[in-house]
Amino acid sequence: MNRAPIDAQRLHSSSADGPLSFYDRIDVVESTGSTNADLVARAADTALDRHALLAETQLTGRGRHSRSWVSPPRAQISLSVLVRLPDIDPTTLGWLPLLTGVAVVDALRETPGVRADLKWPNDVLLGGRKLAGILAEVAATGAAPAVVVGVGLNVDLDESELPVPHATSLTLSGVDTDRTALVAAILAQFAARFTAWQRAGWATDELAAAYRERCATIGVDVRAELPGGQVITGVATGVDDTGRLLIGDRAVSAGDVSHLRGQY
């Protein structure tokens, strides 16, 4: 397939001023093992902050629970961002991947204009199928912990290239997308959300409200496979102020959640 590369020059030009000026660095590489792993390894440099790294292909990318995430060349957006969060309560760090999910959904609704939603905690759905996954990793602790959050978004994959059967891509959904424009939109939305969160002193009220508005899991019959093998089912009634999914009288902080009634 003739898949166009991400235009690094356009991204760098956009970072001169405007929303992408949030980033100290935006790098695009042709190939790497994992953009997340690369930035985690660089986090020991305490001067490194607000660094975005994109790869045209990943060879050893990872999703949640160490699942492999491999991208064909130029068919996905494989993006990681390293940020430092000074004076944040460590128990609040779990909101960063949820914030990233909100940013990705808003970018998709804006560019290219598709109705994306979130499946708790941070899978991005299009038409009930998985379009993107998000993984956050704490890279350094201390007064200003460093966190790397990665996004893998299916842009131009065909059916044979999908990572899992319940996935989809923008192309398979009939959407022709400029990856550079979509990358810029994701980076801009992330910058705006992160900046607002930091200015609010890491308070989660506004962020939680935005997440709930975009979460397709709320109100749906779900099946949750919890750590240790326990399984619970029921209606997901909400997401609490700590980011946990409420299923009946249970608050779930971790696990694999499936939408029932034919939904992913």
C-alpha atoms as a PDB file:
ATOM      1  CA  MET A   1       0.000   0.000   0.000  1.00  0.00           C
ATOM      2  CA  ASN A   2       1.106   3.571  -0.660  1.00  0.00           C
ATOM      3  CA  ARG A   3       0.889   4.909   2.881  1.00  0.00           C
ATOM      4  CA  ALA A   4       2.064   8.469   3.407  1.00  0.00           C
ATOM      5  CA  PRO A   5       4.563   9.205   6.191  1.00  0.00           C
ATOM      6  CA  ILE A   6       3.870  11.541   9.077  1.00  0.00           C
ATOM      7  CA  ASP A   7       5.104  14.998   8.083  1.00  0.00           C
ATOM      8  CA  ALA A   8       7.497  15.869  10.906  1.00  0.00           C
ATOM      9  CA  GLN A   9       8.185  19.292   9.425  1.00  0.00           C
ATOM     10  CA  ARG A  10       4.485  20.208   9.664  1.00  0.00           C
ATOM     11  CA  LEU A  11       4.422  19.165  13.316  1.00  0.00           C
ATOM     12  CA  HIS A  12       7.563  21.129  14.107  1.00  0.00           C
ATOM     13  CA  SER A  13       6.179  24.197  12.342  1.00  0.00           C
ATOM     14  CA  SER A  14       2.988  23.898  14.396  1.00  0.00           C
ATOM     15  CA  SER A  15       5.006  23.689  17.623  1.00  0.00           C
ATOM     16  CA  ALA A  16       6.538  27.132  17.093  1.00  0.00           C
ATOM     17  CA  ASP A  17       3.423  28.678  18.600  1.00  0.00           C
ATOM     18  CA  GLY A  18      -0.125  27.647  19.351  1.00  0.00           C
ATOM     19  CA  PRO A  19      -1.202  24.489  21.215  1.00  0.00           C
ATOM     20  CA  LEU A  20       1.795  22.366  20.203  1.00  0.00           C
ATOM     21  CA  SER A  21       4.172  24.834  21.863  1.00  0.00           C
ATOM     22  CA  PHE A  22       3.306  22.847  25.022  1.00  0.00           C
ATOM     23  CA  TYR A  23       5.867  20.249  23.865  1.00  0.00           C
ATOM     24  CA  ASP A  24       9.594  20.682  24.411  1.00  0.00           C
ATOM     25  CA  ARG A  25      10.277  18.049  21.740  1.00  0.00           C
ATOM     26  CA  ILE A  26       8.304  16.211  19.057  1.00  0.00           C
ATOM     27  CA  ASP A  27      10.309  13.443  17.417  1.00  0.00           C
ATOM     28  CA  VAL A  28       9.298  11.129  14.570  1.00  0.00           C
ATOM     29  CA  VAL A  29      11.335   7.984  13.905  1.00  0.00           C
ATOM     30  CA  GLU A  30      10.914   5.425  11.161  1.00  0.00           C
ATOM     31  CA  SER A  31      11.073   2.361  13.409  1.00  0.00           C
ATOM     32  CA  THR A  32      11.564   1.432  17.041  1.00  0.00           C
ATOM     33  CA  GLY A  33      10.777  -1.370  19.420  1.00  0.00           C
ATOM     34  CA  SER A  34       8.378   0.629  21.582  1.00  0.00           C
ATOM     35  CA  THR A  35       7.883   4.375  21.870  1.00  0.00           C
ATOM     36  CA  ASN A  36       6.815   3.912  25.484  1.00  0.00           C
ATOM     37  CA  ALA A  37       9.937   1.928  26.345  1.00  0.00           C
ATOM     38  CA  ASP A  38      12.131   4.511  24.634  1.00  0.00           C
ATOM     39  CA  LEU A  39      10.744   7.364  26.714  1.00  0.00           C
ATOM     40  CA  VAL A  40      10.730   5.364  29.955  1.00  0.00           C
ATOM     41  CA  ALA A  41      14.437   4.737  29.392  1.00  0.00           C
ATOM     42  CA  ARG A  42      15.053   8.457  28.870  1.00  0.00           C
ATOM     43  CA  ALA A  43      13.127   9.557  31.969  1.00  0.00           C
ATOM     44  CA  ALA A  44      16.274   9.356  34.112  1.00  0.00           C
ATOM     45  CA  ASP A  45      17.234  12.657  32.480  1.00  0.00           C
ATOM     46  CA  THR A  46      15.322  14.963  34.816  1.00  0.00           C
ATOM     47  CA  ALA A  47      15.519  17.800  32.285  1.00  0.00           C
ATOM     48  CA  LEU A  48      13.388  15.824  29.845  1.00  0.00           C
ATOM     49  CA  ASP A  49       9.720  16.818  29.977  1.00  0.00           C
ATOM     50  CA  ARG A  50       6.806  17.186  27.570  1.00  0.00           C
ATOM     51  CA  HIS A  51       8.508  15.004  25.000  1.00  0.00           C
ATOM     52  CA  ALA A  52       6.359  13.415  22.274  1.00  0.00           C
ATOM     53  CA  LEU A  53       7.749  10.490  20.289  1.00  0.00           C
ATOM     54  CA  LEU A  54       6.122   8.933  17.206  1.00  0.00           C
ATOM     55  CA  ALA A  55       7.199   5.862  15.265  1.00  0.00           C
ATOM     56  CA  GLU A  56       6.093   4.871  11.775  1.00  0.00           C
ATOM     57  CA  THR A  57       6.309   1.271  12.910  1.00  0.00           C
ATOM     58  CA  GLN A  58       6.726  -0.476  16.264  1.00  0.00           C
ATOM     59  CA  LEU A  59       8.314  -3.896  16.521  1.00  0.00           C
ATOM     60  CA  THR A  60       7.742  -4.722  20.206  1.00  0.00           C
ATOM     61  CA  GLY A  61       4.983  -2.372  21.341  1.00  0.00           C
ATOM     62  CA  ARG A  62       2.958  -3.335  24.401  1.00  0.00           C
ATOM     63  CA  GLY A  63      -0.603  -2.828  25.469  1.00  0.00           C
ATOM     64  CA  ARG A  64      -2.277  -3.443  28.820  1.00  0.00           C
ATOM     65  CA  HIS A  65      -1.260  -6.616  30.673  1.00  0.00           C
ATOM     66  CA  SER A  66       1.903  -6.805  28.500  1.00  0.00           C
ATOM     67  CA  ARG A  67      -0.057  -7.720  25.381  1.00  0.00           C
ATOM     68  CA  SER A  68       1.905  -7.199  22.182  1.00  0.00           C
ATOM     69  CA  TRP A  69       1.092  -4.225  19.976  1.00  0.00           C
ATOM     70  CA  VAL A  70       2.787  -4.334  16.584  1.00  0.00           C
ATOM     71  CA  SER A  71       2.066  -1.747  13.914  1.00  0.00           C
ATOM     72  CA  PRO A  72       2.564  -2.218  10.174  1.00  0.00           C
ATOM     73  CA  PRO A  73       4.604   0.606   8.639  1.00  0.00           C
ATOM     74  CA  ARG A  74       2.682   3.876   8.390  1.00  0.00           C
ATOM     75  CA  ALA A  75      -0.679   2.234   9.116  1.00  0.00           C
ATOM     76  CA  GLN A  76      -1.188   3.436  12.678  1.00  0.00           C
ATOM     77  CA  ILE A  77      -0.433   6.327  14.960  1.00  0.00           C
ATOM     78  CA  SER A  78       2.088   5.042  17.492  1.00  0.00           C
ATOM     79  CA  LEU A  79       2.619   7.929  19.889  1.00  0.00           C
ATOM     80  CA  SER A  80       4.043   8.299  23.387  1.00  0.00           C
ATOM     81  CA  VAL A  81       4.321  11.403  25.533  1.00  0.00           C
ATOM     82  CA  LEU A  82       6.498  11.859  28.627  1.00  0.00           C
ATOM     83  CA  VAL A  83       5.240  14.410  31.152  1.00  0.00           C
ATOM     84  CA  ARG A  84       6.215  15.328  34.687  1.00  0.00           C
ATOM     85  CA  LEU A  85       3.523  16.126  37.245  1.00  0.00           C
ATOM     86  CA  PRO A  86       4.966  18.201  40.105  1.00  0.00           C
ATOM     87  CA  ASP A  87       3.315  17.970  43.522  1.00  0.00           C
ATOM     88  CA  ILE A  88       0.599  15.568  42.393  1.00  0.00           C
ATOM     89  CA  ASP A  89      -0.908  13.070  44.821  1.00  0.00           C
ATOM     90  CA  PRO A  90       0.376   9.690  43.571  1.00  0.00           C
ATOM     91  CA  THR A  91      -3.147   8.248  43.910  1.00  0.00           C
ATOM     92  CA  THR A  92      -4.299  10.724  41.261  1.00  0.00           C
ATOM     93  CA  LEU A  93      -1.802   9.597  38.604  1.00  0.00           C
ATOM     94  CA  GLY A  94      -4.299   7.024  37.332  1.00  0.00           C
ATOM     95  CA  TRP A  95      -6.301   9.846  35.778  1.00  0.00           C
ATOM     96  CA  LEU A  96      -3.589  10.558  33.194  1.00  0.00           C
ATOM     97  CA  PRO A  97      -4.484   7.660  30.844  1.00  0.00           C
ATOM     98  CA  LEU A  98      -8.168   8.563  31.230  1.00  0.00           C
ATOM     99  CA  LEU A  99      -7.327  12.168  30.324  1.00  0.00           C
ATOM    100  CA  THR A 100      -5.475  10.848  27.292  1.00  0.00           C
ATOM    101  CA  GLY A 101      -8.543   8.877  26.263  1.00  0.00           C
ATOM    102  CA  VAL A 102     -10.666  12.023  26.429  1.00  0.00           C
ATOM    103  CA  ALA A 103      -8.072  13.852  24.317  1.00  0.00           C
ATOM    104  CA  VAL A 104      -7.996  11.120  21.657  1.00  0.00           C
ATOM    105  CA  VAL A 105     -11.798  10.951  21.459  1.00  0.00           C
ATOM    106  CA  ASP A 106     -12.061  14.726  21.100  1.00  0.00           C
ATOM    107  CA  ALA A 107      -9.363  14.752  18.420  1.00  0.00           C
ATOM    108  CA  LEU A 108     -11.220  12.073  16.454  1.00  0.00           C
ATOM    109  CA  ARG A 109     -14.507  13.933  16.752  1.00  0.00           C
ATOM    110  CA  GLU A 110     -12.740  17.034  15.453  1.00  0.00           C
ATOM    111  CA  THR A 111     -10.332  15.481  12.907  1.00  0.00           C
ATOM    112  CA  PRO A 112     -11.587  13.536  10.936  1.00  0.00           C
ATOM    113  CA  GLY A 113     -15.013  14.046  12.520  1.00  0.00           C
ATOM    114  CA  VAL A 114     -16.051  10.546  13.631  1.00  0.00           C
ATOM    115  CA  ARG A 115     -18.195   9.636  16.629  1.00  0.00           C
ATOM    116  CA  ALA A 116     -15.629   7.907  18.837  1.00  0.00           C
ATOM    117  CA  ASP A 117     -16.310   6.909  22.451  1.00  0.00           C
ATOM    118  CA  LEU A 118     -14.440   5.388  25.389  1.00  0.00           C
ATOM    119  CA  LYS A 119     -14.685   1.923  26.883  1.00  0.00           C
ATOM    120  CA  TRP A 120     -13.536   1.926  30.475  1.00  0.00           C
ATOM    121  CA  PRO A 121     -10.815   2.504  31.314  1.00  0.00           C
ATOM    122  CA  ASN A 122      -9.159   3.844  28.162  1.00  0.00           C
ATOM    123  CA  ASP A 123      -9.947   1.956  24.971  1.00  0.00           C
ATOM    124  CA  VAL A 124     -11.252   4.138  22.155  1.00  0.00           C
ATOM    125  CA  LEU A 125     -14.243   2.684  20.295  1.00  0.00           C
ATOM    126  CA  LEU A 126     -15.687   3.415  16.888  1.00  0.00           C
ATOM    127  CA  GLY A 127     -18.950   1.706  16.076  1.00  0.00           C
ATOM    128  CA  GLY A 128     -18.486  -0.519  19.132  1.00  0.00           C
ATOM    129  CA  ARG A 129     -15.109  -1.835  17.922  1.00  0.00           C
ATOM    130  CA  LYS A 130     -11.672  -0.999  19.281  1.00  0.00           C
ATOM    131  CA  LEU A 131      -9.944   1.772  17.353  1.00  0.00           C
ATOM    132  CA  ALA A 132      -7.179   2.687  19.805  1.00  0.00           C
ATOM    133  CA  GLY A 133      -5.572   1.577  23.043  1.00  0.00           C
ATOM    134  CA  ILE A 134      -3.777   3.623  25.678  1.00  0.00           C
ATOM    135  CA  LEU A 135      -1.075   2.557  28.134  1.00  0.00           C
ATOM    136  CA  ALA A 136       0.515   4.686  30.872  1.00  0.00           C
ATOM    137  CA  GLU A 137       3.688   3.777  32.763  1.00  0.00           C
ATOM    138  CA  VAL A 138       5.292   5.543  35.705  1.00  0.00           C
ATOM    139  CA  ALA A 139       8.880   6.164  34.613  1.00  0.00           C
ATOM    140  CA  ALA A 140      10.194   8.001  37.688  1.00  0.00           C
ATOM    141  CA  THR A 141       8.837   8.769  41.148  1.00  0.00           C
ATOM    142  CA  GLY A 142       9.520  11.653  43.503  1.00  0.00           C
ATOM    143  CA  ALA A 143       8.232  15.191  43.934  1.00  0.00           C
ATOM    144  CA  ALA A 144       7.593  15.462  40.190  1.00  0.00           C
ATOM    145  CA  PRO A 145       6.869  11.936  38.956  1.00  0.00           C
ATOM    146  CA  ALA A 146       7.430  11.238  35.277  1.00  0.00           C
ATOM    147  CA  VAL A 147       4.759   9.281  33.420  1.00  0.00           C
ATOM    148  CA  VAL A 148       4.863   8.010  29.853  1.00  0.00           C
ATOM    149  CA  VAL A 149       1.489   7.568  28.194  1.00  0.00           C
ATOM    150  CA  GLY A 150       1.264   5.787  24.848  1.00  0.00           C
ATOM    151  CA  VAL A 151      -1.439   5.707  22.186  1.00  0.00           C
ATOM    152  CA  GLY A 152      -1.782   3.132  19.434  1.00  0.00           C
ATOM    153  CA  LEU A 153      -4.491   4.118  16.938  1.00  0.00           C
ATOM    154  CA  ASN A 154      -5.494   2.113  13.873  1.00  0.00           C
ATOM    155  CA  VAL A 155      -5.622   4.384  10.845  1.00  0.00           C
ATOM    156  CA  ASP A 156      -5.036   2.505   7.597  1.00  0.00           C
ATOM    157  CA  LEU A 157      -5.181  -1.178   8.506  1.00  0.00           C
ATOM    158  CA  ASP A 158      -7.149  -3.698   6.486  1.00  0.00           C
ATOM    159  CA  GLU A 159      -8.961  -6.674   8.032  1.00  0.00           C
ATOM    160  CA  SER A 160      -5.933  -8.975   7.800  1.00  0.00           C
ATOM    161  CA  GLU A 161      -3.756  -6.475   9.697  1.00  0.00           C
ATOM    162  CA  LEU A 162      -6.039  -5.845  12.666  1.00  0.00           C
ATOM    163  CA  PRO A 163      -4.407  -6.793  15.988  1.00  0.00           C
ATOM    164  CA  VAL A 164      -7.579  -8.451  17.390  1.00  0.00           C
ATOM    165  CA  PRO A 165     -10.864  -9.544  15.787  1.00  0.00           C
ATOM    166  CA  HIS A 166     -12.937  -6.920  17.615  1.00  0.00           C
ATOM    167  CA  ALA A 167     -10.733  -4.059  16.368  1.00  0.00           C
ATOM    168  CA  THR A 168     -11.323  -1.677  13.504  1.00  0.00           C
ATOM    169  CA  SER A 169      -9.494   1.104  11.683  1.00  0.00           C
ATOM    170  CA  LEU A 170     -10.487   4.458  10.265  1.00  0.00           C
ATOM    171  CA  THR A 171     -10.064   3.116   6.744  1.00  0.00           C
ATOM    172  CA  LEU A 172     -12.336   0.144   7.454  1.00  0.00           C
ATOM    173  CA  SER A 173     -14.896   2.627   8.788  1.00  0.00           C
ATOM    174  CA  GLY A 174     -14.828   4.486   5.480  1.00  0.00           C
ATOM    175  CA  VAL A 175     -12.751   7.410   6.764  1.00  0.00           C
ATOM    176  CA  ASP A 176      -9.831   8.781   4.756  1.00  0.00           C
ATOM    177  CA  THR A 177      -7.477  10.435   7.210  1.00  0.00           C
ATOM    178  CA  ASP A 178      -4.391  12.630   7.076  1.00  0.00           C
ATOM    179  CA  ARG A 179      -2.299  11.053   9.846  1.00  0.00           C
ATOM    180  CA  THR A 180      -0.258  14.223  10.372  1.00  0.00           C
ATOM    181  CA  ALA A 181      -3.393  16.282  10.947  1.00  0.00           C
ATOM    182  CA  LEU A 182      -4.764  13.662  13.346  1.00  0.00           C
ATOM    183  CA  VAL A 183      -1.473  13.514  15.270  1.00  0.00           C
ATOM    184  CA  ALA A 184      -1.523  17.303  15.586  1.00  0.00           C
ATOM    185  CA  ALA A 185      -5.123  17.196  16.836  1.00  0.00           C
ATOM    186  CA  ILE A 186      -4.319  14.514  19.445  1.00  0.00           C
ATOM    187  CA  LEU A 187      -1.265  16.428  20.670  1.00  0.00           C
ATOM    188  CA  ALA A 188      -3.253  19.668  20.855  1.00  0.00           C
ATOM    189  CA  GLN A 189      -6.137  18.088  22.780  1.00  0.00           C
ATOM    190  CA  PHE A 190      -3.746  16.373  25.191  1.00  0.00           C
ATOM    191  CA  ALA A 191      -1.881  19.650  25.776  1.00  0.00           C
ATOM    192  CA  ALA A 192      -5.112  21.535  26.487  1.00  0.00           C
ATOM    193  CA  ARG A 193      -6.466  18.891  28.887  1.00  0.00           C
ATOM    194  CA  PHE A 194      -3.148  18.474  30.713  1.00  0.00           C
ATOM    195  CA  THR A 195      -2.664  22.228  31.077  1.00  0.00           C
ATOM    196  CA  ALA A 196      -6.182  22.706  32.455  1.00  0.00           C
ATOM    197  CA  TRP A 197      -5.685  19.805  34.890  1.00  0.00           C
ATOM    198  CA  GLN A 198      -2.397  21.205  36.175  1.00  0.00           C
ATOM    199  CA  ARG A 199      -3.870  24.697  36.554  1.00  0.00           C
ATOM    200  CA  ALA A 200      -6.667  23.156  38.620  1.00  0.00           C
ATOM    201  CA  GLY A 201      -4.047  21.796  41.028  1.00  0.00           C
ATOM    202  CA  TRP A 202      -4.629  18.258  39.725  1.00  0.00           C
ATOM    203  CA  ALA A 203      -8.256  18.348  40.882  1.00  0.00           C
ATOM    204  CA  THR A 204     -10.309  15.844  38.889  1.00  0.00           C
ATOM    205  CA  ASP A 205     -13.843  17.276  38.974  1.00  0.00           C
ATOM    206  CA  GLU A 206     -13.795  18.770  35.472  1.00  0.00           C
ATOM    207  CA  LEU A 207     -11.789  15.890  34.026  1.00  0.00           C
ATOM    208  CA  ALA A 208     -14.079  13.272  35.546  1.00  0.00           C
ATOM    209  CA  ALA A 209     -17.143  15.004  34.129  1.00  0.00           C
ATOM    210  CA  ALA A 210     -15.594  15.098  30.654  1.00  0.00           C
ATOM    211  CA  TYR A 211     -14.645  11.417  30.908  1.00  0.00           C
ATOM    212  CA  ARG A 212     -18.141  10.354  31.959  1.00  0.00           C
ATOM    213  CA  GLU A 213     -19.684  12.230  29.037  1.00  0.00           C
ATOM    214  CA  ARG A 214     -17.545  10.227  26.592  1.00  0.00           C
ATOM    215  CA  CYS A 215     -17.663   6.822  28.309  1.00  0.00           C
ATOM    216  CA  ALA A 216     -19.862   4.345  26.424  1.00  0.00           C
ATOM    217  CA  THR A 217     -19.487   1.788  29.227  1.00  0.00           C
ATOM    218  CA  ILE A 218     -21.781   3.683  31.576  1.00  0.00           C
ATOM    219  CA  GLY A 219     -25.305   2.275  31.412  1.00  0.00           C
ATOM    220  CA  VAL A 220     -24.240  -0.906  29.597  1.00  0.00           C
ATOM    221  CA  ASP A 221     -24.348  -4.545  30.759  1.00  0.00           C
ATOM    222  CA  VAL A 222     -20.722  -5.554  31.283  1.00  0.00           C
ATOM    223  CA  ARG A 223     -18.558  -8.500  32.213  1.00  0.00           C
ATOM    224  CA  ALA A 224     -15.460  -7.705  34.270  1.00  0.00           C
ATOM    225  CA  GLU A 225     -12.583 -10.161  34.681  1.00  0.00           C
ATOM    226  CA  LEU A 226     -10.775  -9.000  37.806  1.00  0.00           C
ATOM    227  CA  PRO A 227      -7.176  -9.691  38.872  1.00  0.00           C
ATOM    228  CA  GLY A 228      -7.107 -13.104  40.537  1.00  0.00           C
ATOM    229  CA  GLY A 229      -9.667 -14.576  38.170  1.00  0.00           C
ATOM    230  CA  GLN A 230     -12.920 -13.353  39.710  1.00  0.00           C
ATOM    231  CA  VAL A 231     -15.638 -12.422  37.206  1.00  0.00           C
ATOM    232  CA  ILE A 232     -18.538 -10.088  37.871  1.00  0.00           C
ATOM    233  CA  THR A 233     -21.370  -9.024  35.592  1.00  0.00           C
ATOM    234  CA  GLY A 234     -23.935  -6.274  35.824  1.00  0.00           C
ATOM    235  CA  VAL A 235     -24.820  -2.798  34.662  1.00  0.00           C
ATOM    236  CA  ALA A 236     -22.030  -0.251  34.775  1.00  0.00           C
ATOM    237  CA  THR A 237     -23.700   2.594  36.617  1.00  0.00           C
ATOM    238  CA  GLY A 238     -20.906   5.143  36.582  1.00  0.00           C
ATOM    239  CA  VAL A 239     -17.287   6.099  37.154  1.00  0.00           C
ATOM    240  CA  ASP A 240     -16.400   7.439  40.601  1.00  0.00           C
ATOM    241  CA  ASP A 241     -14.126  10.354  41.475  1.00  0.00           C
ATOM    242  CA  THR A 242     -11.071   8.075  41.628  1.00  0.00           C
ATOM    243  CA  GLY A 243     -11.695   6.692  38.125  1.00  0.00           C
ATOM    244  CA  ARG A 244     -13.079   3.329  39.243  1.00  0.00           C
ATOM    245  CA  LEU A 245     -15.919   1.695  37.304  1.00  0.00           C
ATOM    246  CA  LEU A 246     -19.076   1.110  39.336  1.00  0.00           C
ATOM    247  CA  ILE A 247     -20.814  -2.205  38.616  1.00  0.00           C
ATOM    248  CA  GLY A 248     -23.777  -2.719  40.881  1.00  0.00           C
ATOM    249  CA  ASP A 249     -22.413  -2.235  44.393  1.00  0.00           C
ATOM    250  CA  ARG A 250     -18.806  -2.919  43.349  1.00  0.00           C
ATOM    251  CA  ALA A 251     -16.101  -0.418  42.443  1.00  0.00           C
ATOM    252  CA  VAL A 252     -13.611  -1.894  39.974  1.00  0.00           C
ATOM    253  CA  SER A 253     -10.158  -0.331  39.746  1.00  0.00           C
ATOM    254  CA  ALA A 254      -8.528  -2.848  37.397  1.00  0.00           C
ATOM    255  CA  GLY A 255      -9.594  -5.648  35.077  1.00  0.00           C
ATOM    256  CA  ASP A 256     -10.751  -6.539  31.589  1.00  0.00           C
ATOM    257  CA  VAL A 257     -14.239  -5.207  30.946  1.00  0.00           C
ATOM    258  CA  SER A 258     -16.385  -6.376  28.037  1.00  0.00           C
ATOM    259  CA  HIS A 259     -19.584  -4.771  26.839  1.00  0.00           C
ATOM    260  CA  LEU A 260     -22.289  -7.432  26.574  1.00  0.00           C
ATOM    261  CA  ARG A 261     -25.265  -7.599  24.175  1.00  0.00           C
ATOM    262  CA  GLY A 262     -23.004  -7.923  21.153  1.00  0.00           C
ATOM    263  CA  GLN A 263     -20.854  -4.935  22.005  1.00  0.00           C
ATOM    264  CA  TYR A 264     -17.091  -4.995  22.532  1.00  0.00           C
END
